[in-house]
Amino acid sequence: MKHCLCFTLFCSCFQEEFVGLVHKETILVGHSLENDLMALRISHGLIIDTAVLYKYNRGSRCKIALRVLTKKFLGREIQNTGSGHDSVEDARAALELAILKIKHGKD
């Protein structure tokens, strides 16, 4: 029960901060954002999700990993330090992939 209370307090504080930084006309860009937003109990209307932009040909439920997309389309490796994800590196890669897709359209 203690963990649940801690998460609820964290979530509440984060939601307040989020609302102060992200307005309804702000465009959120990322990879598989629905997981993060759902965990934080946040809903937002303007989202560019690279997991959706870059479709996997094996069905809509399958998504291509951000590191795979970054290697294939941007020609560089990310998430290879062995110490987990770097959120800034992931955010930059997602933004660059979104811009690439917007500029050049289909794969």
PDB file of N, CA and C in Angstrom:
ATOM      1  N   MET A   1       0.817  -1.188   0.000  1.00  0.00           N
ATOM      2  CA  MET A   1       0.000   0.000   0.000  1.00  0.00           C
ATOM      3  C   MET A   1       0.869   1.264   0.000  1.00  0.00           C
ATOM      4  N   LYS A   2       2.023   1.192   0.689  1.00  0.00           N
ATOM      5  CA  LYS A   2       2.919   2.338   0.765  1.00  0.00           C
ATOM      6  C   LYS A   2       3.420   2.732  -0.627  1.00  0.00           C
ATOM      7  N   HIS A   3       3.775   1.730  -1.475  1.00  0.00           N
ATOM      8  CA  HIS A   3       4.259   2.002  -2.826  1.00  0.00           C
ATOM      9  C   HIS A   3       3.187   2.678  -3.664  1.00  0.00           C
ATOM     10  N   CYS A   4       1.963   2.246  -3.481  1.00  0.00           N
ATOM     11  CA  CYS A   4       0.844   2.818  -4.224  1.00  0.00           C
ATOM     12  C   CYS A   4       0.666   4.288  -3.864  1.00  0.00           C
ATOM     13  N   LEU A   5       0.766   4.609  -2.600  1.00  0.00           N
ATOM     14  CA  LEU A   5       0.626   5.994  -2.150  1.00  0.00           C
ATOM     15  C   LEU A   5       1.763   6.848  -2.703  1.00  0.00           C
ATOM     16  N   CYS A   6       2.986   6.315  -2.659  1.00  0.00           N
ATOM     17  CA  CYS A   6       4.141   7.049  -3.191  1.00  0.00           C
ATOM     18  C   CYS A   6       3.969   7.328  -4.677  1.00  0.00           C
ATOM     19  N   PHE A   7       3.532   6.318  -5.421  1.00  0.00           N
ATOM     20  CA  PHE A   7       3.328   6.513  -6.861  1.00  0.00           C
ATOM     21  C   PHE A   7       2.231   7.532  -7.115  1.00  0.00           C
ATOM     22  N   THR A   8       1.145   7.471  -6.345  1.00  0.00           N
ATOM     23  CA  THR A   8       0.039   8.418  -6.512  1.00  0.00           C
ATOM     24  C   THR A   8       0.517   9.843  -6.256  1.00  0.00           C
ATOM     25  N   LEU A   9       1.325  10.047  -5.232  1.00  0.00           N
ATOM     26  CA  LEU A   9       1.857  11.380  -4.938  1.00  0.00           C
ATOM     27  C   LEU A   9       2.800  11.845  -6.047  1.00  0.00           C
ATOM     28  N   PHE A  10       3.684  10.936  -6.491  1.00  0.00           N
ATOM     29  CA  PHE A  10       4.598  11.268  -7.584  1.00  0.00           C
ATOM     30  C   PHE A  10       3.813  11.644  -8.830  1.00  0.00           C
ATOM     31  N   CYS A  11       2.828  10.820  -9.152  1.00  0.00           N
ATOM     32  CA  CYS A  11       2.011  11.038 -10.346  1.00  0.00           C
ATOM     33  C   CYS A  11       1.309  12.391 -10.275  1.00  0.00           C
ATOM     34  N   SER A  12       0.754  12.692  -9.125  1.00  0.00           N
ATOM     35  CA  SER A  12       0.048  13.952  -8.938  1.00  0.00           C
ATOM     36  C   SER A  12       0.987  15.141  -9.123  1.00  0.00           C
ATOM     37  N   CYS A  13       2.167  15.067  -8.530  1.00  0.00           N
ATOM     38  CA  CYS A  13       3.153  16.148  -8.669  1.00  0.00           C
ATOM     39  C   CYS A  13       3.610  16.282 -10.114  1.00  0.00           C
ATOM     40  N   PHE A  14       3.856  15.152 -10.750  1.00  0.00           N
ATOM     41  CA  PHE A  14       4.300  15.183 -12.135  1.00  0.00           C
ATOM     42  C   PHE A  14       3.210  15.759 -13.038  1.00  0.00           C
ATOM     43  N   GLN A  15       1.976  15.367 -12.812  1.00  0.00           N
ATOM     44  CA  GLN A  15       0.864  15.877 -13.627  1.00  0.00           C
ATOM     45  C   GLN A  15       0.765  17.392 -13.515  1.00  0.00           C
ATOM     46  N   GLU A  16       0.935  17.928 -12.312  1.00  0.00           N
ATOM     47  CA  GLU A  16       0.906  19.379 -12.124  1.00  0.00           C
ATOM     48  C   GLU A  16       2.035  20.044 -12.911  1.00  0.00           C
ATOM     49  N   GLU A  17       3.218  19.481 -12.833  1.00  0.00           N
ATOM     50  CA  GLU A  17       4.375  20.013 -13.559  1.00  0.00           C
ATOM     51  C   GLU A  17       4.138  19.936 -15.072  1.00  0.00           C
ATOM     52  N   PHE A  18       3.617  18.806 -15.523  1.00  0.00           N
ATOM     53  CA  PHE A  18       3.332  18.584 -16.943  1.00  0.00           C
ATOM     54  C   PHE A  18       2.370  19.652 -17.473  1.00  0.00           C
ATOM     55  N   VAL A  19       1.297  19.886 -16.741  1.00  0.00           N
ATOM     56  CA  VAL A  19       0.295  20.878 -17.152  1.00  0.00           C
ATOM     57  C   VAL A  19       0.910  22.275 -17.220  1.00  0.00           C
ATOM     58  N   GLY A  20       1.873  22.551 -16.351  1.00  0.00           N
ATOM     59  CA  GLY A  20       2.545  23.852 -16.373  1.00  0.00           C
ATOM     60  C   GLY A  20       3.487  24.021 -17.553  1.00  0.00           C
ATOM     61  N   LEU A  21       4.022  22.925 -18.059  1.00  0.00           N
ATOM     62  CA  LEU A  21       4.993  22.982 -19.157  1.00  0.00           C
ATOM     63  C   LEU A  21       4.390  22.708 -20.535  1.00  0.00           C
ATOM     64  N   VAL A  22       3.418  21.816 -20.570  1.00  0.00           N
ATOM     65  CA  VAL A  22       2.865  21.347 -21.839  1.00  0.00           C
ATOM     66  C   VAL A  22       1.426  21.838 -21.962  1.00  0.00           C
ATOM     67  N   HIS A  23       1.221  22.717 -22.913  1.00  0.00           N
ATOM     68  CA  HIS A  23      -0.109  23.275 -23.131  1.00  0.00           C
ATOM     69  C   HIS A  23      -0.855  22.449 -24.172  1.00  0.00           C
ATOM     70  N   LYS A  24      -2.130  22.710 -24.352  1.00  0.00           N
ATOM     71  CA  LYS A  24      -2.918  21.889 -25.278  1.00  0.00           C
ATOM     72  C   LYS A  24      -2.436  22.023 -26.718  1.00  0.00           C
ATOM     73  N   GLU A  25      -1.747  23.118 -27.050  1.00  0.00           N
ATOM     74  CA  GLU A  25      -1.240  23.270 -28.411  1.00  0.00           C
ATOM     75  C   GLU A  25       0.212  22.808 -28.573  1.00  0.00           C
ATOM     76  N   THR A  26       0.789  22.274 -27.511  1.00  0.00           N
ATOM     77  CA  THR A  26       2.142  21.722 -27.561  1.00  0.00           C
ATOM     78  C   THR A  26       2.104  20.355 -28.238  1.00  0.00           C
ATOM     79  N   ILE A  27       3.038  20.120 -29.147  1.00  0.00           N
ATOM     80  CA  ILE A  27       3.135  18.824 -29.820  1.00  0.00           C
ATOM     81  C   ILE A  27       4.178  17.983 -29.090  1.00  0.00           C
ATOM     82  N   LEU A  28       3.754  16.831 -28.602  1.00  0.00           N
ATOM     83  CA  LEU A  28       4.679  15.891 -27.962  1.00  0.00           C
ATOM     84  C   LEU A  28       5.224  14.948 -29.025  1.00  0.00           C
ATOM     85  N   VAL A  29       6.533  14.762 -29.032  1.00  0.00           N
ATOM     86  CA  VAL A  29       7.174  13.852 -29.977  1.00  0.00           C
ATOM     87  C   VAL A  29       7.950  12.821 -29.175  1.00  0.00           C
ATOM     88  N   GLY A  30       7.780  11.545 -29.531  1.00  0.00           N
ATOM     89  CA  GLY A  30       8.500  10.489 -28.839  1.00  0.00           C
ATOM     90  C   GLY A  30       8.254   9.142 -29.488  1.00  0.00           C
ATOM     91  N   HIS A  31       8.674   8.101 -28.808  1.00  0.00           N
ATOM     92  CA  HIS A  31       8.535   6.739 -29.323  1.00  0.00           C
ATOM     93  C   HIS A  31       7.732   5.909 -28.327  1.00  0.00           C
ATOM     94  N   SER A  32       6.637   5.342 -28.780  1.00  0.00           N
ATOM     95  CA  SER A  32       5.715   4.570 -27.930  1.00  0.00           C
ATOM     96  C   SER A  32       5.253   5.388 -26.728  1.00  0.00           C
ATOM     97  N   LEU A  33       4.829   6.594 -27.004  1.00  0.00           N
ATOM     98  CA  LEU A  33       4.413   7.513 -25.946  1.00  0.00           C
ATOM     99  C   LEU A  33       3.201   7.037 -25.159  1.00  0.00           C
ATOM    100  N   GLU A  34       2.356   6.228 -25.782  1.00  0.00           N
ATOM    101  CA  GLU A  34       1.139   5.813 -25.083  1.00  0.00           C
ATOM    102  C   GLU A  34       1.469   5.087 -23.787  1.00  0.00           C
ATOM    103  N   ASN A  35       2.572   4.350 -23.759  1.00  0.00           N
ATOM    104  CA  ASN A  35       2.963   3.639 -22.537  1.00  0.00           C
ATOM    105  C   ASN A  35       3.316   4.617 -21.415  1.00  0.00           C
ATOM    106  N   ASP A  36       4.104   5.624 -21.737  1.00  0.00           N
ATOM    107  CA  ASP A  36       4.506   6.618 -20.743  1.00  0.00           C
ATOM    108  C   ASP A  36       3.306   7.432 -20.264  1.00  0.00           C
ATOM    109  N   LEU A  37       2.496   7.886 -21.197  1.00  0.00           N
ATOM    110  CA  LEU A  37       1.346   8.712 -20.831  1.00  0.00           C
ATOM    111  C   LEU A  37       0.334   7.925 -20.008  1.00  0.00           C
ATOM    112  N   MET A  38       0.125   6.670 -20.360  1.00  0.00           N
ATOM    113  CA  MET A  38      -0.819   5.843 -19.618  1.00  0.00           C
ATOM    114  C   MET A  38      -0.303   5.605 -18.184  1.00  0.00           C
ATOM    115  N   ALA A  39       0.978   5.331 -18.044  1.00  0.00           N
ATOM    116  CA  ALA A  39       1.554   5.097 -16.721  1.00  0.00           C
ATOM    117  C   ALA A  39       1.440   6.331 -15.838  1.00  0.00           C
ATOM    118  N   LEU A  40       1.560   7.500 -16.457  1.00  0.00           N
ATOM    119  CA  LEU A  40       1.482   8.752 -15.699  1.00  0.00           C
ATOM    120  C   LEU A  40       0.061   9.309 -15.614  1.00  0.00           C
ATOM    121  N   ARG A  41      -0.866   8.583 -16.223  1.00  0.00           N
ATOM    122  CA  ARG A  41      -2.282   8.982 -16.224  1.00  0.00           C
ATOM    123  C   ARG A  41      -2.475  10.370 -16.809  1.00  0.00           C
ATOM    124  N   ILE A  42      -1.849  10.560 -17.980  1.00  0.00           N
ATOM    125  CA  ILE A  42      -1.919  11.836 -18.686  1.00  0.00           C
ATOM    126  C   ILE A  42      -2.503  11.591 -20.067  1.00  0.00           C
ATOM    127  N   SER A  43      -3.370  12.486 -20.476  1.00  0.00           N
ATOM    128  CA  SER A  43      -3.935  12.447 -21.823  1.00  0.00           C
ATOM    129  C   SER A  43      -3.531  13.732 -22.532  1.00  0.00           C
ATOM    130  N   HIS A  44      -3.135  13.600 -23.793  1.00  0.00           N
ATOM    131  CA  HIS A  44      -2.736  14.782 -24.565  1.00  0.00           C
ATOM    132  C   HIS A  44      -3.168  14.575 -26.009  1.00  0.00           C
ATOM    133  N   GLY A  45      -3.643  15.631 -26.632  1.00  0.00           N
ATOM    134  CA  GLY A  45      -4.222  15.514 -27.963  1.00  0.00           C
ATOM    135  C   GLY A  45      -3.264  15.601 -29.138  1.00  0.00           C
ATOM    136  N   LEU A  46      -2.130  16.251 -28.974  1.00  0.00           N
ATOM    137  CA  LEU A  46      -1.205  16.441 -30.101  1.00  0.00           C
ATOM    138  C   LEU A  46       0.070  15.623 -29.876  1.00  0.00           C
ATOM    139  N   ILE A  47       0.125  14.479 -30.527  1.00  0.00           N
ATOM    140  CA  ILE A  47       1.247  13.559 -30.347  1.00  0.00           C
ATOM    141  C   ILE A  47       1.774  13.104 -31.699  1.00  0.00           C
ATOM    142  N   ILE A  48       3.094  13.112 -31.832  1.00  0.00           N
ATOM    143  CA  ILE A  48       3.752  12.473 -32.971  1.00  0.00           C
ATOM    144  C   ILE A  48       4.561  11.331 -32.376  1.00  0.00           C
ATOM    145  N   ASP A  49       4.138  10.120 -32.689  1.00  0.00           N
ATOM    146  CA  ASP A  49       4.763   8.929 -32.121  1.00  0.00           C
ATOM    147  C   ASP A  49       5.483   8.179 -33.238  1.00  0.00           C
ATOM    148  N   THR A  50       6.805   8.094 -33.129  1.00  0.00           N
ATOM    149  CA  THR A  50       7.584   7.439 -34.184  1.00  0.00           C
ATOM    150  C   THR A  50       7.282   5.948 -34.276  1.00  0.00           C
ATOM    151  N   ALA A  51       6.791   5.352 -33.200  1.00  0.00           N
ATOM    152  CA  ALA A  51       6.396   3.939 -33.253  1.00  0.00           C
ATOM    153  C   ALA A  51       5.190   3.751 -34.159  1.00  0.00           C
ATOM    154  N   VAL A  52       4.406   4.792 -34.319  1.00  0.00           N
ATOM    155  CA  VAL A  52       3.239   4.756 -35.206  1.00  0.00           C
ATOM    156  C   VAL A  52       3.617   5.233 -36.610  1.00  0.00           C
ATOM    157  N   LEU A  53       4.471   6.252 -36.686  1.00  0.00           N
ATOM    158  CA  LEU A  53       4.894   6.782 -37.996  1.00  0.00           C
ATOM    159  C   LEU A  53       5.614   5.737 -38.843  1.00  0.00           C
ATOM    160  N   TYR A  54       6.456   4.963 -38.193  1.00  0.00           N
ATOM    161  CA  TYR A  54       7.238   3.944 -38.894  1.00  0.00           C
ATOM    162  C   TYR A  54       6.589   2.590 -38.643  1.00  0.00           C
ATOM    163  N   LYS A  55       5.703   2.205 -39.521  1.00  0.00           N
ATOM    164  CA  LYS A  55       4.920   0.969 -39.377  1.00  0.00           C
ATOM    165  C   LYS A  55       5.787  -0.266 -39.576  1.00  0.00           C
ATOM    166  N   TYR A  56       5.457  -1.284 -38.828  1.00  0.00           N
ATOM    167  CA  TYR A  56       6.110  -2.581 -38.962  1.00  0.00           C
ATOM    168  C   TYR A  56       5.229  -3.430 -39.866  1.00  0.00           C
ATOM    169  N   ASN A  57       5.797  -4.082 -40.844  1.00  0.00           N
ATOM    170  CA  ASN A  57       4.988  -4.808 -41.828  1.00  0.00           C
ATOM    171  C   ASN A  57       4.398  -6.121 -41.291  1.00  0.00           C
ATOM    172  N   ARG A  58       4.577  -6.395 -40.021  1.00  0.00           N
ATOM    173  CA  ARG A  58       4.018  -7.621 -39.436  1.00  0.00           C
ATOM    174  C   ARG A  58       2.747  -7.359 -38.634  1.00  0.00           C
ATOM    175  N   GLY A  59       2.150  -6.204 -38.837  1.00  0.00           N
ATOM    176  CA  GLY A  59       0.896  -5.914 -38.151  1.00  0.00           C
ATOM    177  C   GLY A  59       0.998  -4.703 -37.251  1.00  0.00           C
ATOM    178  N   SER A  60      -0.146  -4.137 -36.937  1.00  0.00           N
ATOM    179  CA  SER A  60      -0.185  -2.894 -36.185  1.00  0.00           C
ATOM    180  C   SER A  60       0.219  -3.060 -34.718  1.00  0.00           C
ATOM    181  N   ARG A  61       0.163  -4.262 -34.201  1.00  0.00           N
ATOM    182  CA  ARG A  61       0.515  -4.476 -32.793  1.00  0.00           C
ATOM    183  C   ARG A  61       2.028  -4.538 -32.587  1.00  0.00           C
ATOM    184  N   CYS A  62       2.768  -4.819 -33.646  1.00  0.00           N
ATOM    185  CA  CYS A  62       4.222  -4.894 -33.555  1.00  0.00           C
ATOM    186  C   CYS A  62       4.818  -3.526 -33.849  1.00  0.00           C
ATOM    187  N   LYS A  63       5.832  -3.169 -33.077  1.00  0.00           N
ATOM    188  CA  LYS A  63       6.494  -1.879 -33.275  1.00  0.00           C
ATOM    189  C   LYS A  63       7.995  -2.097 -33.429  1.00  0.00           C
ATOM    190  N   ILE A  64       8.596  -1.250 -34.246  1.00  0.00           N
ATOM    191  CA  ILE A  64      10.041  -1.310 -34.445  1.00  0.00           C
ATOM    192  C   ILE A  64      10.708  -0.521 -33.319  1.00  0.00           C
ATOM    193  N   ALA A  65      11.723  -1.093 -32.718  1.00  0.00           N
ATOM    194  CA  ALA A  65      12.439  -0.445 -31.620  1.00  0.00           C
ATOM    195  C   ALA A  65      13.075   0.865 -32.090  1.00  0.00           C
ATOM    196  N   LEU A  66      13.125   1.831 -31.203  1.00  0.00           N
ATOM    197  CA  LEU A  66      13.725   3.127 -31.518  1.00  0.00           C
ATOM    198  C   LEU A  66      15.177   2.974 -31.950  1.00  0.00           C
ATOM    199  N   ARG A  67      15.927   2.097 -31.295  1.00  0.00           N
ATOM    200  CA  ARG A  67      17.339   1.904 -31.666  1.00  0.00           C
ATOM    201  C   ARG A  67      17.477   1.346 -33.079  1.00  0.00           C
ATOM    202  N   VAL A  68      16.524   0.498 -33.494  1.00  0.00           N
ATOM    203  CA  VAL A  68      16.544  -0.073 -34.842  1.00  0.00           C
ATOM    204  C   VAL A  68      16.220   1.014 -35.866  1.00  0.00           C
ATOM    205  N   LEU A  69      15.200   1.816 -35.592  1.00  0.00           N
ATOM    206  CA  LEU A  69      14.841   2.919 -36.497  1.00  0.00           C
ATOM    207  C   LEU A  69      15.980   3.915 -36.633  1.00  0.00           C
ATOM    208  N   THR A  70      16.614   4.232 -35.514  1.00  0.00           N
ATOM    209  CA  THR A  70      17.713   5.204 -35.521  1.00  0.00           C
ATOM    210  C   THR A  70      18.884   4.694 -36.345  1.00  0.00           C
ATOM    211  N   LYS A  71      19.203   3.429 -36.194  1.00  0.00           N
ATOM    212  CA  LYS A  71      20.300   2.840 -36.975  1.00  0.00           C
ATOM    213  C   LYS A  71      19.960   2.827 -38.461  1.00  0.00           C
ATOM    214  N   LYS A  72      18.734   2.416 -38.790  1.00  0.00           N
ATOM    215  CA  LYS A  72      18.334   2.273 -40.187  1.00  0.00           C
ATOM    216  C   LYS A  72      18.190   3.618 -40.900  1.00  0.00           C
ATOM    217  N   PHE A  73      17.539   4.583 -40.263  1.00  0.00           N
ATOM    218  CA  PHE A  73      17.207   5.835 -40.953  1.00  0.00           C
ATOM    219  C   PHE A  73      18.154   6.989 -40.647  1.00  0.00           C
ATOM    220  N   LEU A  74      18.815   6.967 -39.486  1.00  0.00           N
ATOM    221  CA  LEU A  74      19.717   8.063 -39.126  1.00  0.00           C
ATOM    222  C   LEU A  74      21.184   7.644 -39.182  1.00  0.00           C
ATOM    223  N   GLY A  75      21.418   6.334 -39.329  1.00  0.00           N
ATOM    224  CA  GLY A  75      22.781   5.840 -39.496  1.00  0.00           C
ATOM    225  C   GLY A  75      23.654   5.911 -38.258  1.00  0.00           C
ATOM    226  N   ARG A  76      23.032   5.883 -37.086  1.00  0.00           N
ATOM    227  CA  ARG A  76      23.839   5.886 -35.866  1.00  0.00           C
ATOM    228  C   ARG A  76      23.218   4.955 -34.829  1.00  0.00           C
ATOM    229  N   GLU A  77      24.033   4.591 -33.854  1.00  0.00           N
ATOM    230  CA  GLU A  77      23.581   3.683 -32.809  1.00  0.00           C
ATOM    231  C   GLU A  77      23.235   4.461 -31.551  1.00  0.00           C
ATOM    232  N   ILE A  78      22.158   4.021 -30.904  1.00  0.00           N
ATOM    233  CA  ILE A  78      21.779   4.571 -29.607  1.00  0.00           C
ATOM    234  C   ILE A  78      21.508   3.392 -28.673  1.00  0.00           C
ATOM    235  N   GLN A  79      21.382   3.689 -27.402  1.00  0.00           N
ATOM    236  CA  GLN A  79      21.046   2.685 -26.387  1.00  0.00           C
ATOM    237  C   GLN A  79      22.048   1.536 -26.366  1.00  0.00           C
ATOM    238  N   ASN A  80      23.309   1.842 -26.577  1.00  0.00           N
ATOM    239  CA  ASN A  80      24.321   0.788 -26.639  1.00  0.00           C
ATOM    240  C   ASN A  80      25.380   0.913 -25.536  1.00  0.00           C
ATOM    241  N   THR A  81      25.069   1.668 -24.493  1.00  0.00           N
ATOM    242  CA  THR A  81      26.060   1.867 -23.433  1.00  0.00           C
ATOM    243  C   THR A  81      26.038   0.762 -22.389  1.00  0.00           C
ATOM    244  N   GLY A  82      24.993  -0.029 -22.376  1.00  0.00           N
ATOM    245  CA  GLY A  82      24.878  -1.082 -21.375  1.00  0.00           C
ATOM    246  C   GLY A  82      24.306  -0.594 -20.057  1.00  0.00           C
ATOM    247  N   SER A  83      24.081   0.705 -19.948  1.00  0.00           N
ATOM    248  CA  SER A  83      23.551   1.253 -18.687  1.00  0.00           C
ATOM    249  C   SER A  83      22.112   1.743 -18.847  1.00  0.00           C
ATOM    250  N   GLY A  84      21.413   1.211 -19.845  1.00  0.00           N
ATOM    251  CA  GLY A  84      20.014   1.587 -20.025  1.00  0.00           C
ATOM    252  C   GLY A  84      19.833   2.719 -21.014  1.00  0.00           C
ATOM    253  N   HIS A  85      18.617   3.227 -21.033  1.00  0.00           N
ATOM    254  CA  HIS A  85      18.277   4.284 -21.977  1.00  0.00           C
ATOM    255  C   HIS A  85      18.732   5.640 -21.477  1.00  0.00           C
ATOM    256  N   ASP A  86      19.173   6.455 -22.404  1.00  0.00           N
ATOM    257  CA  ASP A  86      19.464   7.862 -22.133  1.00  0.00           C
ATOM    258  C   ASP A  86      18.262   8.631 -22.665  1.00  0.00           C
ATOM    259  N   SER A  87      17.464   9.216 -21.802  1.00  0.00           N
ATOM    260  CA  SER A  87      16.214   9.852 -22.224  1.00  0.00           C
ATOM    261  C   SER A  87      16.440  10.998 -23.202  1.00  0.00           C
ATOM    262  N   VAL A  88      17.538  11.733 -23.043  1.00  0.00           N
ATOM    263  CA  VAL A  88      17.835  12.838 -23.968  1.00  0.00           C
ATOM    264  C   VAL A  88      18.190  12.278 -25.344  1.00  0.00           C
ATOM    265  N   GLU A  89      19.011  11.244 -25.374  1.00  0.00           N
ATOM    266  CA  GLU A  89      19.390  10.595 -26.629  1.00  0.00           C
ATOM    267  C   GLU A  89      18.154  10.030 -27.334  1.00  0.00           C
ATOM    268  N   ASP A  90      17.277   9.381 -26.580  1.00  0.00           N
ATOM    269  CA  ASP A  90      16.045   8.829 -27.147  1.00  0.00           C
ATOM    270  C   ASP A  90      15.152   9.932 -27.699  1.00  0.00           C
ATOM    271  N   ALA A  91      15.019  11.021 -26.952  1.00  0.00           N
ATOM    272  CA  ALA A  91      14.166  12.142 -27.387  1.00  0.00           C
ATOM    273  C   ALA A  91      14.702  12.769 -28.672  1.00  0.00           C
ATOM    274  N   ARG A  92      16.008  12.966 -28.733  1.00  0.00           N
ATOM    275  CA  ARG A  92      16.613  13.537 -29.954  1.00  0.00           C
ATOM    276  C   ARG A  92      16.394  12.619 -31.155  1.00  0.00           C
ATOM    277  N   ALA A  93      16.592  11.337 -30.952  1.00  0.00           N
ATOM    278  CA  ALA A  93      16.409  10.376 -32.043  1.00  0.00           C
ATOM    279  C   ALA A  93      14.959  10.382 -32.518  1.00  0.00           C
ATOM    280  N   ALA A  94      14.007  10.378 -31.592  1.00  0.00           N
ATOM    281  CA  ALA A  94      12.590  10.393 -31.964  1.00  0.00           C
ATOM    282  C   ALA A  94      12.243  11.671 -32.731  1.00  0.00           C
ATOM    283  N   LEU A  95      12.749  12.802 -32.271  1.00  0.00           N
ATOM    284  CA  LEU A  95      12.481  14.073 -32.958  1.00  0.00           C
ATOM    285  C   LEU A  95      13.077  14.064 -34.364  1.00  0.00           C
ATOM    286  N   GLU A  96      14.312  13.606 -34.514  1.00  0.00           N
ATOM    287  CA  GLU A  96      14.945  13.545 -35.830  1.00  0.00           C
ATOM    288  C   GLU A  96      14.200  12.588 -36.760  1.00  0.00           C
ATOM    289  N   LEU A  97      13.749  11.463 -36.235  1.00  0.00           N
ATOM    290  CA  LEU A  97      12.986  10.510 -37.053  1.00  0.00           C
ATOM    291  C   LEU A  97      11.646  11.110 -37.489  1.00  0.00           C
ATOM    292  N   ALA A  98      10.992  11.838 -36.602  1.00  0.00           N
ATOM    293  CA  ALA A  98       9.720  12.484 -36.937  1.00  0.00           C
ATOM    294  C   ALA A  98       9.929  13.536 -38.031  1.00  0.00           C
ATOM    295  N   ILE A  99      10.948  14.347 -37.894  1.00  0.00           N
ATOM    296  CA  ILE A  99      11.247  15.373 -38.898  1.00  0.00           C
ATOM    297  C   ILE A  99      11.576  14.729 -40.237  1.00  0.00           C
ATOM    298  N   LEU A 100      12.359  13.661 -40.219  1.00  0.00           N
ATOM    299  CA  LEU A 100      12.718  12.936 -41.436  1.00  0.00           C
ATOM    300  C   LEU A 100      11.453  12.426 -42.139  1.00  0.00           C
ATOM    301  N   LYS A 101      10.548  11.840 -41.380  1.00  0.00           N
ATOM    302  CA  LYS A 101       9.314  11.298 -41.943  1.00  0.00           C
ATOM    303  C   LYS A 101       8.428  12.411 -42.499  1.00  0.00           C
ATOM    304  N   ILE A 102       8.348  13.518 -41.792  1.00  0.00           N
ATOM    305  CA  ILE A 102       7.532  14.651 -42.248  1.00  0.00           C
ATOM    306  C   ILE A 102       8.102  15.234 -43.549  1.00  0.00           C
ATOM    307  N   LYS A 103       9.404  15.351 -43.609  1.00  0.00           N
ATOM    308  CA  LYS A 103      10.048  15.920 -44.808  1.00  0.00           C
ATOM    309  C   LYS A 103       9.974  15.004 -46.027  1.00  0.00           C
ATOM    310  N   HIS A 104      10.150  13.691 -45.790  1.00  0.00           N
ATOM    311  CA  HIS A 104      10.305  12.773 -46.919  1.00  0.00           C
ATOM    312  C   HIS A 104       9.169  11.783 -47.096  1.00  0.00           C
ATOM    313  N   GLY A 105       8.206  11.776 -46.208  1.00  0.00           N
ATOM    314  CA  GLY A 105       7.033  10.923 -46.372  1.00  0.00           C
ATOM    315  C   GLY A 105       7.319   9.456 -46.222  1.00  0.00           C
ATOM    316  N   LYS A 106       6.789   8.671 -47.143  1.00  0.00           N
ATOM    317  CA  LYS A 106       6.867   7.216 -47.065  1.00  0.00           C
ATOM    318  C   LYS A 106       8.292   6.728 -46.964  1.00  0.00           C
ATOM    319  N   ASP A 107       8.430   5.512 -46.411  1.00  0.00           N
ATOM    320  CA  ASP A 107       9.759   4.882 -46.234  1.00  0.00           C
ATOM    321  C   ASP A 107      10.522   4.780 -47.522  1.00  0.00           C
TER     322      ASP A 107
END
